[in-house]
Amino acid sequence: METNDFFKDQKNFWENTKKRRMPNHPVIKAFAEPKINFILSELEKLNEKPKNLTIIDIGCGNGFLSYYLEREFKDIMCVDFAKAILDLNPCRNKIQATAENLPFPDKSFDVAFSSNILHHLQDPILAIKEMKRVAKKYIIISDVNRKNFIMNTYGLIKKKERGITRLPRNYLDLYLKEINVKIIAKTDIGLILPNITKKSMIPLLRFLEKNKALTPFYSMVIAKV
């Protein structure tokens, strides 16, 4: 599939998404909490108080993470290119826009955040450059862990996730090095697929992650602008 066709296919899928688990669903909460806790813990190490920081959630979708970030940060702006899924997001401040062309001045937010969008984008590096442009202090990215066999297989068999296979194995390190920002914290985290995992599986998956029995599905980095 050509790059433009890939992007159009993504746009069509998300614009026609009408029903998703809501952010307060137990599975979504279990998906989000480890990532939110990592962010809060690392910011505390940097002597930062999220209640004093503004954040933009780029590719926010229907709020799987922005719902929880809104509770922790001073203010949040939620951005997504698909109106249908953005309308499902319960957060107060929302705007429709693309990750590669954010309609905000330079350094508009203390933190620029994205989760699980890079493999959906036509040009992920351009999106990260935009994150750097609008951030005063930090870039935080959570996305697929290319070291995980299940996620790589998922990218091969699931059409809308095919972009996973386009990412280099250590893409977060490579991309952030290319835009000249320094990674100050990183982790592999989480064993919950928000739209697939059953509620009954949460205790087992938490146990497996705690005991490092499986390679986590996601990678996260925090970089200083």
N, C-alpha and C. Protein backbone atom coordinates (compact mmCIF):
# COMPACT_ATOMS: atom_id res chain seq x y z
N MET A 1 0.85 -1.20 0.00
CA MET A 1 0.00 0.00 0.00
C MET A 1 0.88 1.25 0.00
N GLU A 2 0.60 2.20 -0.90
CA GLU A 2 1.35 3.43 -0.94
C GLU A 2 1.09 4.25 0.32
N THR A 3 2.05 5.15 0.62
CA THR A 3 1.95 5.93 1.86
C THR A 3 0.66 6.73 1.92
N ASN A 4 0.30 7.41 0.83
CA ASN A 4 -0.91 8.23 0.84
C ASN A 4 -2.16 7.37 1.02
N ASP A 5 -2.16 6.18 0.40
CA ASP A 5 -3.29 5.28 0.56
C ASP A 5 -3.40 4.80 2.00
N PHE A 6 -2.24 4.55 2.63
CA PHE A 6 -2.21 4.13 4.03
C PHE A 6 -2.84 5.21 4.90
N PHE A 7 -2.45 6.46 4.69
CA PHE A 7 -2.98 7.56 5.47
C PHE A 7 -4.48 7.72 5.26
N LYS A 8 -4.94 7.64 4.01
CA LYS A 8 -6.36 7.77 3.72
C LYS A 8 -7.17 6.65 4.38
N ASP A 9 -6.59 5.46 4.40
CA ASP A 9 -7.27 4.32 5.02
C ASP A 9 -7.41 4.54 6.52
N GLN A 10 -6.37 5.09 7.15
CA GLN A 10 -6.43 5.40 8.58
C GLN A 10 -7.51 6.44 8.85
N LYS A 11 -7.51 7.49 8.05
CA LYS A 11 -8.48 8.57 8.22
C LYS A 11 -9.91 8.03 8.11
N ASN A 12 -10.14 7.20 7.12
CA ASN A 12 -11.47 6.63 6.90
C ASN A 12 -11.90 5.77 8.09
N PHE A 13 -10.97 4.97 8.61
CA PHE A 13 -11.31 4.09 9.74
C PHE A 13 -11.72 4.90 10.95
N TRP A 14 -10.91 5.87 11.34
CA TRP A 14 -11.19 6.61 12.58
C TRP A 14 -12.39 7.54 12.43
N GLU A 15 -12.62 8.07 11.24
CA GLU A 15 -13.79 8.92 11.04
C GLU A 15 -15.10 8.12 11.10
N ASN A 16 -14.99 6.82 10.91
CA ASN A 16 -16.18 5.98 10.94
C ASN A 16 -16.30 5.16 12.23
N THR A 17 -15.47 5.51 13.21
CA THR A 17 -15.55 4.85 14.51
C THR A 17 -16.67 5.48 15.33
N LYS A 18 -17.66 4.69 15.65
CA LYS A 18 -18.84 5.21 16.35
C LYS A 18 -18.94 4.73 17.80
N LYS A 19 -18.32 3.60 18.09
CA LYS A 19 -18.46 3.03 19.42
C LYS A 19 -17.13 2.51 19.91
N ARG A 20 -16.74 2.94 21.10
CA ARG A 20 -15.50 2.48 21.73
C ARG A 20 -15.75 2.34 23.22
N ARG A 21 -14.92 1.56 23.90
CA ARG A 21 -14.97 1.56 25.36
C ARG A 21 -14.69 2.97 25.85
N MET A 22 -15.41 3.37 26.87
CA MET A 22 -15.22 4.70 27.41
C MET A 22 -14.02 4.70 28.37
N PRO A 23 -13.41 5.87 28.60
CA PRO A 23 -12.20 5.93 29.41
C PRO A 23 -12.35 5.41 30.84
N ASN A 24 -13.56 5.42 31.40
CA ASN A 24 -13.75 4.94 32.77
C ASN A 24 -14.03 3.44 32.83
N HIS A 25 -13.99 2.76 31.69
CA HIS A 25 -14.16 1.30 31.66
C HIS A 25 -13.01 0.66 32.44
N PRO A 26 -13.25 -0.41 33.22
CA PRO A 26 -12.18 -1.03 34.02
C PRO A 26 -10.95 -1.45 33.21
N VAL A 27 -11.15 -1.92 32.00
CA VAL A 27 -10.00 -2.31 31.17
C VAL A 27 -9.20 -1.09 30.75
N ILE A 28 -9.87 -0.02 30.40
CA ILE A 28 -9.17 1.21 30.01
C ILE A 28 -8.42 1.79 31.20
N LYS A 29 -9.04 1.74 32.35
CA LYS A 29 -8.37 2.22 33.57
C LYS A 29 -7.10 1.42 33.84
N ALA A 30 -7.18 0.10 33.68
CA ALA A 30 -6.01 -0.76 33.89
C ALA A 30 -4.95 -0.52 32.82
N PHE A 31 -5.37 -0.16 31.62
CA PHE A 31 -4.46 0.19 30.54
C PHE A 31 -3.74 1.50 30.83
N ALA A 32 -4.49 2.48 31.34
CA ALA A 32 -3.97 3.83 31.51
C ALA A 32 -3.13 4.02 32.77
N GLU A 33 -3.53 3.43 33.87
CA GLU A 33 -2.91 3.74 35.16
C GLU A 33 -1.40 3.55 35.20
N PRO A 34 -0.85 2.44 34.70
CA PRO A 34 0.62 2.31 34.75
C PRO A 34 1.34 3.42 33.99
N LYS A 35 0.78 3.84 32.88
CA LYS A 35 1.40 4.90 32.07
C LYS A 35 1.30 6.24 32.79
N ILE A 36 0.14 6.53 33.36
CA ILE A 36 -0.03 7.78 34.10
C ILE A 36 0.90 7.80 35.31
N ASN A 37 0.99 6.68 36.00
CA ASN A 37 1.86 6.61 37.19
C ASN A 37 3.33 6.79 36.82
N PHE A 38 3.74 6.25 35.67
CA PHE A 38 5.12 6.45 35.21
C PHE A 38 5.39 7.93 34.95
N ILE A 39 4.46 8.59 34.28
CA ILE A 39 4.62 10.02 34.00
C ILE A 39 4.73 10.83 35.30
N LEU A 40 3.81 10.58 36.22
CA LEU A 40 3.81 11.33 37.48
C LEU A 40 5.07 11.08 38.28
N SER A 41 5.51 9.82 38.32
CA SER A 41 6.71 9.46 39.07
C SER A 41 7.95 10.15 38.50
N GLU A 42 8.07 10.15 37.18
CA GLU A 42 9.25 10.75 36.55
C GLU A 42 9.24 12.27 36.67
N LEU A 43 8.07 12.86 36.57
CA LEU A 43 8.00 14.32 36.76
C LEU A 43 8.34 14.71 38.19
N GLU A 44 7.93 13.88 39.15
CA GLU A 44 8.28 14.14 40.55
C GLU A 44 9.79 14.12 40.75
N LYS A 45 10.47 13.20 40.07
CA LYS A 45 11.94 13.14 40.15
C LYS A 45 12.58 14.41 39.60
N LEU A 46 11.88 15.05 38.69
CA LEU A 46 12.38 16.29 38.08
C LEU A 46 11.91 17.52 38.85
N ASN A 47 11.29 17.28 40.01
CA ASN A 47 10.76 18.36 40.85
C ASN A 47 9.68 19.17 40.13
N GLU A 48 8.93 18.49 39.29
CA GLU A 48 7.82 19.12 38.59
C GLU A 48 6.50 18.70 39.21
N LYS A 49 5.58 19.64 39.31
CA LYS A 49 4.25 19.36 39.81
C LYS A 49 3.26 19.46 38.64
N PRO A 50 2.67 18.32 38.24
CA PRO A 50 1.75 18.35 37.11
C PRO A 50 0.62 19.37 37.25
N LYS A 51 0.19 19.63 38.47
CA LYS A 51 -0.89 20.60 38.68
C LYS A 51 -0.48 22.01 38.26
N ASN A 52 0.84 22.20 38.05
CA ASN A 52 1.33 23.50 37.57
C ASN A 52 1.66 23.48 36.08
N LEU A 53 1.43 22.35 35.41
CA LEU A 53 1.84 22.18 34.02
C LEU A 53 0.64 22.03 33.09
N THR A 54 0.77 22.61 31.91
CA THR A 54 -0.22 22.39 30.85
C THR A 54 0.28 21.28 29.93
N ILE A 55 -0.65 20.56 29.31
CA ILE A 55 -0.28 19.43 28.47
C ILE A 55 -1.20 19.37 27.26
N ILE A 56 -0.65 18.96 26.13
CA ILE A 56 -1.44 18.71 24.94
C ILE A 56 -1.37 17.21 24.64
N ASP A 57 -2.52 16.59 24.43
CA ASP A 57 -2.60 15.18 24.08
C ASP A 57 -2.90 15.08 22.59
N ILE A 58 -1.89 14.69 21.82
CA ILE A 58 -1.97 14.68 20.36
C ILE A 58 -2.36 13.29 19.89
N GLY A 59 -3.45 13.22 19.13
CA GLY A 59 -3.99 11.91 18.76
C GLY A 59 -4.73 11.29 19.93
N CYS A 60 -5.49 12.13 20.61
CA CYS A 60 -6.12 11.76 21.88
C CYS A 60 -7.21 10.70 21.75
N GLY A 61 -7.77 10.55 20.54
CA GLY A 61 -8.87 9.61 20.38
C GLY A 61 -10.04 9.94 21.29
N ASN A 62 -10.68 8.90 21.81
CA ASN A 62 -11.83 9.15 22.68
C ASN A 62 -11.45 9.27 24.15
N GLY A 63 -10.14 9.47 24.42
CA GLY A 63 -9.74 9.87 25.76
C GLY A 63 -9.21 8.79 26.67
N PHE A 64 -8.70 7.69 26.11
CA PHE A 64 -8.19 6.60 26.95
C PHE A 64 -7.17 7.11 27.97
N LEU A 65 -6.33 8.07 27.58
CA LEU A 65 -5.34 8.61 28.50
C LEU A 65 -5.63 10.06 28.87
N SER A 66 -6.17 10.84 27.96
CA SER A 66 -6.42 12.25 28.28
C SER A 66 -7.43 12.40 29.40
N TYR A 67 -8.36 11.46 29.52
CA TYR A 67 -9.33 11.46 30.61
C TYR A 67 -8.62 11.46 31.97
N TYR A 68 -7.53 10.71 32.08
CA TYR A 68 -6.77 10.61 33.33
C TYR A 68 -5.76 11.75 33.46
N LEU A 69 -5.19 12.17 32.35
CA LEU A 69 -4.26 13.31 32.38
C LEU A 69 -4.97 14.58 32.82
N GLU A 70 -6.22 14.74 32.42
CA GLU A 70 -6.98 15.94 32.79
C GLU A 70 -7.12 16.06 34.30
N ARG A 71 -7.14 14.93 34.99
CA ARG A 71 -7.26 14.94 36.45
C ARG A 71 -5.97 15.35 37.15
N GLU A 72 -4.85 15.18 36.45
CA GLU A 72 -3.54 15.36 37.09
C GLU A 72 -2.85 16.66 36.72
N PHE A 73 -3.15 17.20 35.54
CA PHE A 73 -2.45 18.39 35.06
C PHE A 73 -3.30 19.64 35.22
N LYS A 74 -2.63 20.77 35.17
CA LYS A 74 -3.29 22.06 35.32
C LYS A 74 -4.35 22.26 34.24
N ASP A 75 -3.99 21.93 33.02
CA ASP A 75 -4.92 22.08 31.89
C ASP A 75 -4.47 21.16 30.78
N ILE A 76 -5.43 20.67 29.99
CA ILE A 76 -5.11 19.78 28.88
C ILE A 76 -5.86 20.22 27.63
N MET A 77 -5.17 20.13 26.49
CA MET A 77 -5.80 20.33 25.20
C MET A 77 -5.75 19.00 24.45
N CYS A 78 -6.91 18.54 23.99
CA CYS A 78 -7.00 17.25 23.29
C CYS A 78 -7.12 17.49 21.79
N VAL A 79 -6.27 16.80 21.03
CA VAL A 79 -6.23 17.00 19.58
C VAL A 79 -6.37 15.66 18.87
N ASP A 80 -7.23 15.62 17.85
CA ASP A 80 -7.31 14.43 17.01
C ASP A 80 -7.77 14.84 15.62
N PHE A 81 -7.36 14.08 14.61
CA PHE A 81 -7.74 14.44 13.24
C PHE A 81 -9.12 13.93 12.84
N ALA A 82 -9.70 13.05 13.65
CA ALA A 82 -11.00 12.46 13.32
C ALA A 82 -12.08 13.01 14.24
N LYS A 83 -13.01 13.72 13.68
CA LYS A 83 -14.08 14.34 14.48
C LYS A 83 -14.94 13.29 15.18
N ALA A 84 -15.22 12.18 14.50
CA ALA A 84 -16.11 11.17 15.07
C ALA A 84 -15.60 10.65 16.40
N ILE A 85 -14.30 10.36 16.47
CA ILE A 85 -13.76 9.81 17.71
C ILE A 85 -13.48 10.92 18.72
N LEU A 86 -13.14 12.12 18.22
CA LEU A 86 -12.92 13.25 19.12
C LEU A 86 -14.20 13.61 19.87
N ASP A 87 -15.33 13.45 19.20
CA ASP A 87 -16.62 13.74 19.83
C ASP A 87 -16.91 12.81 21.01
N LEU A 88 -16.28 11.64 21.02
CA LEU A 88 -16.48 10.69 22.12
C LEU A 88 -15.61 11.02 23.33
N ASN A 89 -14.62 11.88 23.14
CA ASN A 89 -13.70 12.22 24.22
C ASN A 89 -14.40 13.11 25.25
N PRO A 90 -14.39 12.73 26.54
CA PRO A 90 -15.13 13.50 27.55
C PRO A 90 -14.41 14.74 28.06
N CYS A 91 -13.19 14.97 27.63
CA CYS A 91 -12.45 16.13 28.15
C CYS A 91 -13.04 17.44 27.64
N ARG A 92 -12.76 18.50 28.36
CA ARG A 92 -13.40 19.80 28.11
C ARG A 92 -12.83 20.49 26.86
N ASN A 93 -11.49 20.54 26.76
CA ASN A 93 -10.84 21.30 25.69
C ASN A 93 -10.42 20.37 24.56
N LYS A 94 -11.05 20.51 23.39
CA LYS A 94 -10.79 19.62 22.26
C LYS A 94 -10.73 20.43 20.97
N ILE A 95 -9.87 19.97 20.05
CA ILE A 95 -9.80 20.61 18.75
C ILE A 95 -9.42 19.58 17.70
N GLN A 96 -10.02 19.69 16.53
CA GLN A 96 -9.71 18.77 15.43
C GLN A 96 -8.54 19.32 14.64
N ALA A 97 -7.47 18.53 14.53
CA ALA A 97 -6.27 18.95 13.79
C ALA A 97 -5.40 17.72 13.60
N THR A 98 -4.44 17.82 12.69
CA THR A 98 -3.51 16.72 12.45
C THR A 98 -2.28 16.87 13.33
N ALA A 99 -1.67 15.75 13.66
CA ALA A 99 -0.46 15.76 14.49
C ALA A 99 0.70 16.44 13.78
N GLU A 100 0.69 16.40 12.44
CA GLU A 100 1.79 16.99 11.67
C GLU A 100 1.65 18.49 11.44
N ASN A 101 0.51 19.05 11.83
CA ASN A 101 0.28 20.49 11.62
C ASN A 101 -0.60 21.02 12.73
N LEU A 102 -0.02 21.21 13.90
CA LEU A 102 -0.78 21.64 15.07
C LEU A 102 -1.05 23.15 15.01
N PRO A 103 -2.28 23.58 15.25
CA PRO A 103 -2.65 24.99 15.12
C PRO A 103 -2.37 25.80 16.39
N PHE A 104 -1.14 25.72 16.88
CA PHE A 104 -0.76 26.42 18.10
C PHE A 104 0.61 27.08 17.90
N PRO A 105 0.83 28.22 18.55
CA PRO A 105 2.15 28.87 18.47
C PRO A 105 3.24 28.02 19.14
N ASP A 106 4.47 28.35 18.88
CA ASP A 106 5.60 27.68 19.52
C ASP A 106 5.48 27.78 21.04
N LYS A 107 5.88 26.70 21.70
CA LYS A 107 5.93 26.64 23.17
C LYS A 107 4.60 27.00 23.83
N SER A 108 3.54 26.48 23.28
CA SER A 108 2.20 26.77 23.83
C SER A 108 1.87 25.96 25.07
N PHE A 109 2.56 24.80 25.25
CA PHE A 109 2.25 23.90 26.36
C PHE A 109 3.54 23.47 27.05
N ASP A 110 3.44 23.20 28.35
CA ASP A 110 4.62 22.71 29.06
C ASP A 110 5.02 21.32 28.57
N VAL A 111 4.02 20.48 28.29
CA VAL A 111 4.26 19.09 27.91
C VAL A 111 3.49 18.76 26.63
N ALA A 112 4.16 18.10 25.70
CA ALA A 112 3.49 17.54 24.52
C ALA A 112 3.49 16.03 24.65
N PHE A 113 2.32 15.43 24.56
CA PHE A 113 2.14 14.00 24.81
C PHE A 113 1.44 13.34 23.64
N SER A 114 1.85 12.11 23.34
CA SER A 114 1.10 11.31 22.37
C SER A 114 1.15 9.85 22.79
N SER A 115 0.11 9.13 22.43
CA SER A 115 0.03 7.70 22.78
C SER A 115 -0.50 6.91 21.59
N ASN A 116 0.29 5.94 21.16
CA ASN A 116 -0.15 4.98 20.14
C ASN A 116 -0.64 5.63 18.85
N ILE A 117 0.04 6.71 18.44
CA ILE A 117 -0.36 7.31 17.16
C ILE A 117 0.74 7.25 16.10
N LEU A 118 2.00 7.11 16.50
CA LEU A 118 3.08 7.21 15.52
C LEU A 118 2.93 6.19 14.40
N HIS A 119 2.50 4.97 14.74
CA HIS A 119 2.37 3.95 13.70
C HIS A 119 1.13 4.15 12.83
N HIS A 120 0.30 5.13 13.17
CA HIS A 120 -0.86 5.46 12.35
C HIS A 120 -0.58 6.63 11.41
N LEU A 121 0.62 7.23 11.51
CA LEU A 121 0.88 8.48 10.80
C LEU A 121 1.64 8.28 9.50
N GLN A 122 1.38 9.18 8.58
CA GLN A 122 2.10 9.18 7.32
C GLN A 122 3.56 9.58 7.54
N ASP A 123 3.81 10.53 8.44
CA ASP A 123 5.18 11.02 8.71
C ASP A 123 5.36 11.18 10.21
N PRO A 124 5.74 10.11 10.93
CA PRO A 124 5.86 10.21 12.39
C PRO A 124 6.92 11.20 12.86
N ILE A 125 8.02 11.35 12.10
CA ILE A 125 9.06 12.28 12.52
C ILE A 125 8.56 13.72 12.46
N LEU A 126 7.79 14.04 11.43
CA LEU A 126 7.21 15.39 11.34
C LEU A 126 6.31 15.66 12.54
N ALA A 127 5.55 14.65 12.96
CA ALA A 127 4.68 14.82 14.12
C ALA A 127 5.49 15.08 15.39
N ILE A 128 6.61 14.37 15.55
CA ILE A 128 7.45 14.58 16.73
C ILE A 128 8.10 15.96 16.68
N LYS A 129 8.44 16.42 15.51
CA LYS A 129 8.97 17.79 15.38
C LYS A 129 7.93 18.80 15.82
N GLU A 130 6.67 18.55 15.48
CA GLU A 130 5.59 19.43 15.92
C GLU A 130 5.43 19.37 17.44
N MET A 131 5.59 18.19 18.02
CA MET A 131 5.53 18.08 19.47
C MET A 131 6.62 18.94 20.10
N LYS A 132 7.82 18.87 19.55
CA LYS A 132 8.93 19.67 20.07
C LYS A 132 8.64 21.17 19.93
N ARG A 133 8.06 21.53 18.81
CA ARG A 133 7.78 22.95 18.56
C ARG A 133 6.81 23.55 19.57
N VAL A 134 5.75 22.81 19.92
CA VAL A 134 4.72 23.38 20.80
C VAL A 134 5.01 23.16 22.28
N ALA A 135 6.08 22.41 22.60
CA ALA A 135 6.39 22.10 24.01
C ALA A 135 7.43 23.06 24.58
N LYS A 136 7.19 23.50 25.80
CA LYS A 136 8.18 24.32 26.52
C LYS A 136 9.21 23.45 27.23
N LYS A 137 8.77 22.31 27.78
CA LYS A 137 9.63 21.55 28.68
C LYS A 137 9.88 20.11 28.26
N TYR A 138 8.80 19.36 28.01
CA TYR A 138 8.96 17.92 27.82
C TYR A 138 8.11 17.38 26.66
N ILE A 139 8.63 16.34 26.06
CA ILE A 139 7.89 15.50 25.13
C ILE A 139 7.72 14.14 25.79
N ILE A 140 6.51 13.62 25.81
CA ILE A 140 6.25 12.28 26.35
C ILE A 140 5.54 11.46 25.28
N ILE A 141 6.11 10.31 24.96
CA ILE A 141 5.53 9.45 23.93
C ILE A 141 5.34 8.03 24.47
N SER A 142 4.18 7.49 24.23
CA SER A 142 3.89 6.08 24.51
C SER A 142 3.43 5.45 23.20
N ASP A 143 4.05 4.35 22.82
CA ASP A 143 3.65 3.69 21.59
C ASP A 143 4.04 2.22 21.65
N VAL A 144 3.85 1.51 20.56
CA VAL A 144 4.07 0.06 20.56
C VAL A 144 5.53 -0.30 20.84
N ASN A 145 5.72 -1.41 21.52
CA ASN A 145 7.06 -1.94 21.80
C ASN A 145 7.43 -2.89 20.67
N ARG A 146 8.37 -2.47 19.84
CA ARG A 146 8.75 -3.28 18.68
C ARG A 146 9.50 -4.55 19.06
N LYS A 147 9.86 -4.67 20.35
CA LYS A 147 10.53 -5.89 20.82
C LYS A 147 9.51 -6.97 21.20
N ASN A 148 8.24 -6.61 21.15
CA ASN A 148 7.19 -7.55 21.54
C ASN A 148 6.66 -8.31 20.33
N PHE A 149 6.76 -9.63 20.37
CA PHE A 149 6.35 -10.48 19.24
C PHE A 149 4.86 -10.33 18.94
N ILE A 150 4.05 -10.24 19.99
CA ILE A 150 2.60 -10.14 19.79
C ILE A 150 2.24 -8.85 19.06
N MET A 151 2.86 -7.73 19.45
CA MET A 151 2.55 -6.48 18.79
C MET A 151 3.01 -6.48 17.34
N ASN A 152 4.16 -7.09 17.07
CA ASN A 152 4.64 -7.18 15.69
C ASN A 152 3.70 -8.03 14.85
N THR A 153 3.22 -9.12 15.42
CA THR A 153 2.27 -9.98 14.71
C THR A 153 0.95 -9.25 14.48
N TYR A 154 0.51 -8.52 15.49
CA TYR A 154 -0.71 -7.73 15.40
C TYR A 154 -0.61 -6.74 14.24
N GLY A 155 0.58 -6.15 14.07
CA GLY A 155 0.79 -5.21 12.98
C GLY A 155 0.72 -5.86 11.62
N LEU A 156 1.05 -7.13 11.56
CA LEU A 156 1.01 -7.85 10.28
C LEU A 156 -0.41 -8.26 9.89
N ILE A 157 -1.21 -8.64 10.87
CA ILE A 157 -2.52 -9.23 10.55
C ILE A 157 -3.67 -8.23 10.64
N LYS A 158 -3.47 -7.12 11.35
CA LYS A 158 -4.56 -6.14 11.53
C LYS A 158 -4.31 -4.96 10.60
N LYS A 159 -5.21 -4.75 9.66
CA LYS A 159 -4.99 -3.76 8.62
C LYS A 159 -4.72 -2.36 9.18
N LYS A 160 -5.55 -1.93 10.14
CA LYS A 160 -5.39 -0.57 10.65
C LYS A 160 -4.15 -0.41 11.52
N GLU A 161 -3.49 -1.52 11.89
CA GLU A 161 -2.27 -1.46 12.70
C GLU A 161 -1.03 -1.78 11.86
N ARG A 162 -1.18 -1.85 10.54
CA ARG A 162 -0.09 -2.23 9.66
C ARG A 162 1.12 -1.30 9.79
N GLY A 163 0.88 -0.08 10.22
CA GLY A 163 1.97 0.88 10.37
C GLY A 163 3.01 0.47 11.39
N ILE A 164 2.67 -0.45 12.28
CA ILE A 164 3.65 -0.94 13.26
C ILE A 164 4.87 -1.49 12.55
N THR A 165 4.64 -2.19 11.44
CA THR A 165 5.75 -2.84 10.72
C THR A 165 6.64 -1.84 10.01
N ARG A 166 6.19 -0.57 9.90
CA ARG A 166 6.99 0.47 9.23
C ARG A 166 7.96 1.13 10.20
N LEU A 167 7.80 0.91 11.48
CA LEU A 167 8.66 1.55 12.48
C LEU A 167 9.94 0.75 12.68
N PRO A 168 11.11 1.42 12.74
CA PRO A 168 12.34 0.71 13.10
C PRO A 168 12.23 0.11 14.50
N ARG A 169 13.02 -0.89 14.78
CA ARG A 169 12.94 -1.57 16.07
C ARG A 169 13.14 -0.61 17.24
N ASN A 170 14.11 0.29 17.13
CA ASN A 170 14.38 1.26 18.20
C ASN A 170 13.98 2.67 17.76
N TYR A 171 12.77 2.77 17.20
CA TYR A 171 12.33 4.00 16.56
C TYR A 171 12.27 5.20 17.50
N LEU A 172 11.90 5.02 18.75
CA LEU A 172 11.80 6.18 19.65
C LEU A 172 13.17 6.81 19.87
N ASP A 173 14.18 5.98 20.10
CA ASP A 173 15.54 6.51 20.25
C ASP A 173 15.99 7.23 18.98
N LEU A 174 15.74 6.60 17.83
CA LEU A 174 16.17 7.16 16.55
C LEU A 174 15.46 8.47 16.24
N TYR A 175 14.15 8.49 16.42
CA TYR A 175 13.38 9.68 16.06
C TYR A 175 13.72 10.86 16.96
N LEU A 176 13.85 10.61 18.26
CA LEU A 176 14.13 11.72 19.18
C LEU A 176 15.56 12.22 19.03
N LYS A 177 16.47 11.33 18.68
CA LYS A 177 17.84 11.76 18.38
C LYS A 177 17.84 12.64 17.14
N GLU A 178 17.02 12.29 16.15
CA GLU A 178 16.97 13.06 14.90
C GLU A 178 16.49 14.48 15.13
N ILE A 179 15.58 14.68 16.08
CA ILE A 179 15.08 16.04 16.33
C ILE A 179 15.86 16.73 17.45
N ASN A 180 16.93 16.07 17.90
CA ASN A 180 17.87 16.68 18.85
C ASN A 180 17.26 17.02 20.20
N VAL A 181 16.56 16.05 20.78
CA VAL A 181 16.12 16.18 22.17
C VAL A 181 16.66 14.99 22.95
N LYS A 182 16.86 15.18 24.24
CA LYS A 182 17.49 14.17 25.07
C LYS A 182 16.44 13.37 25.85
N ILE A 183 16.49 12.06 25.70
CA ILE A 183 15.61 11.20 26.50
C ILE A 183 16.12 11.15 27.93
N ILE A 184 15.24 11.45 28.88
CA ILE A 184 15.64 11.46 30.28
C ILE A 184 15.02 10.32 31.08
N ALA A 185 14.05 9.64 30.48
CA ALA A 185 13.44 8.47 31.13
C ALA A 185 12.78 7.62 30.07
N LYS A 186 12.86 6.30 30.24
CA LYS A 186 12.15 5.42 29.32
C LYS A 186 11.86 4.09 30.00
N THR A 187 10.83 3.44 29.50
CA THR A 187 10.42 2.16 30.07
C THR A 187 9.60 1.39 29.06
N ASP A 188 9.56 0.08 29.22
CA ASP A 188 8.59 -0.76 28.51
C ASP A 188 7.52 -1.13 29.52
N ILE A 189 6.25 -1.01 29.13
CA ILE A 189 5.20 -1.04 30.14
C ILE A 189 3.87 -1.53 29.55
N GLY A 190 3.13 -2.31 30.34
CA GLY A 190 1.76 -2.63 30.01
C GLY A 190 1.56 -3.91 29.21
N LEU A 191 0.53 -4.68 29.60
CA LEU A 191 0.16 -5.91 28.90
C LEU A 191 -1.33 -5.93 28.55
N ILE A 192 -1.94 -4.75 28.50
CA ILE A 192 -3.38 -4.68 28.23
C ILE A 192 -3.62 -4.00 26.88
N LEU A 193 -4.37 -4.68 26.03
CA LEU A 193 -4.85 -4.10 24.78
C LEU A 193 -6.23 -3.52 25.05
N PRO A 194 -6.39 -2.22 25.02
CA PRO A 194 -7.61 -1.58 25.53
C PRO A 194 -8.91 -2.01 24.86
N ASN A 195 -8.85 -2.37 23.59
CA ASN A 195 -10.09 -2.71 22.89
C ASN A 195 -10.32 -4.20 22.78
N ILE A 196 -9.38 -5.00 23.29
CA ILE A 196 -9.47 -6.45 23.14
C ILE A 196 -9.53 -7.18 24.48
N THR A 197 -8.70 -6.74 25.43
CA THR A 197 -8.59 -7.42 26.72
C THR A 197 -9.94 -7.50 27.44
N LYS A 198 -10.21 -8.66 28.00
CA LYS A 198 -11.43 -8.84 28.78
C LYS A 198 -11.17 -8.43 30.23
N LYS A 199 -12.21 -7.92 30.88
CA LYS A 199 -12.08 -7.47 32.27
C LYS A 199 -11.55 -8.58 33.17
N SER A 200 -11.97 -9.82 32.94
CA SER A 200 -11.56 -10.95 33.78
C SER A 200 -10.06 -11.24 33.70
N MET A 201 -9.41 -10.73 32.66
CA MET A 201 -7.98 -10.99 32.45
C MET A 201 -7.07 -10.01 33.19
N ILE A 202 -7.65 -8.94 33.71
CA ILE A 202 -6.83 -7.87 34.30
C ILE A 202 -5.93 -8.38 35.44
N PRO A 203 -6.44 -9.13 36.43
CA PRO A 203 -5.56 -9.59 37.52
C PRO A 203 -4.38 -10.43 37.03
N LEU A 204 -4.63 -11.32 36.08
CA LEU A 204 -3.55 -12.16 35.54
C LEU A 204 -2.50 -11.32 34.82
N LEU A 205 -2.94 -10.39 34.00
CA LEU A 205 -2.00 -9.57 33.25
C LEU A 205 -1.19 -8.66 34.16
N ARG A 206 -1.81 -8.16 35.21
CA ARG A 206 -1.07 -7.36 36.19
C ARG A 206 0.00 -8.22 36.88
N PHE A 207 -0.36 -9.46 37.21
CA PHE A 207 0.58 -10.37 37.85
C PHE A 207 1.76 -10.67 36.92
N LEU A 208 1.45 -10.93 35.66
CA LEU A 208 2.51 -11.25 34.69
C LEU A 208 3.44 -10.07 34.47
N GLU A 209 2.86 -8.86 34.44
CA GLU A 209 3.72 -7.68 34.25
C GLU A 209 4.59 -7.43 35.49
N LYS A 210 3.99 -7.54 36.67
CA LYS A 210 4.73 -7.32 37.90
C LYS A 210 5.91 -8.28 38.02
N ASN A 211 5.72 -9.51 37.57
CA ASN A 211 6.76 -10.53 37.66
C ASN A 211 7.60 -10.65 36.39
N LYS A 212 7.41 -9.68 35.49
CA LYS A 212 8.21 -9.60 34.25
C LYS A 212 8.19 -10.92 33.48
N ALA A 213 7.02 -11.53 33.42
CA ALA A 213 6.87 -12.83 32.76
C ALA A 213 6.69 -12.69 31.25
N LEU A 214 6.27 -11.51 30.79
CA LEU A 214 6.08 -11.27 29.36
C LEU A 214 6.68 -9.91 28.99
N THR A 215 7.12 -9.79 27.75
CA THR A 215 7.62 -8.51 27.26
C THR A 215 6.46 -7.54 27.13
N PRO A 216 6.55 -6.36 27.74
CA PRO A 216 5.44 -5.40 27.67
C PRO A 216 5.08 -5.01 26.24
N PHE A 217 3.84 -4.60 26.06
CA PHE A 217 3.32 -4.25 24.75
C PHE A 217 3.74 -2.85 24.30
N TYR A 218 4.07 -1.98 25.26
CA TYR A 218 4.28 -0.57 24.94
C TYR A 218 5.65 -0.08 25.42
N SER A 219 6.15 0.93 24.74
CA SER A 219 7.36 1.65 25.16
C SER A 219 7.01 3.09 25.44
N MET A 220 7.63 3.66 26.46
CA MET A 220 7.39 5.06 26.80
C MET A 220 8.71 5.79 26.97
N VAL A 221 8.74 7.05 26.52
CA VAL A 221 9.91 7.89 26.75
C VAL A 221 9.47 9.28 27.20
N ILE A 222 10.31 9.89 28.01
CA ILE A 222 10.16 11.29 28.36
C ILE A 222 11.44 11.99 27.92
N ALA A 223 11.31 13.03 27.15
CA ALA A 223 12.47 13.75 26.65
C ALA A 223 12.37 15.23 27.03
N LYS A 224 13.53 15.82 27.28
CA LYS A 224 13.57 17.24 27.63
C LYS A 224 13.80 18.06 26.38
N VAL A 225 12.97 19.07 26.21
CA VAL A 225 13.06 19.93 25.01
C VAL A 225 14.24 20.88 25.15
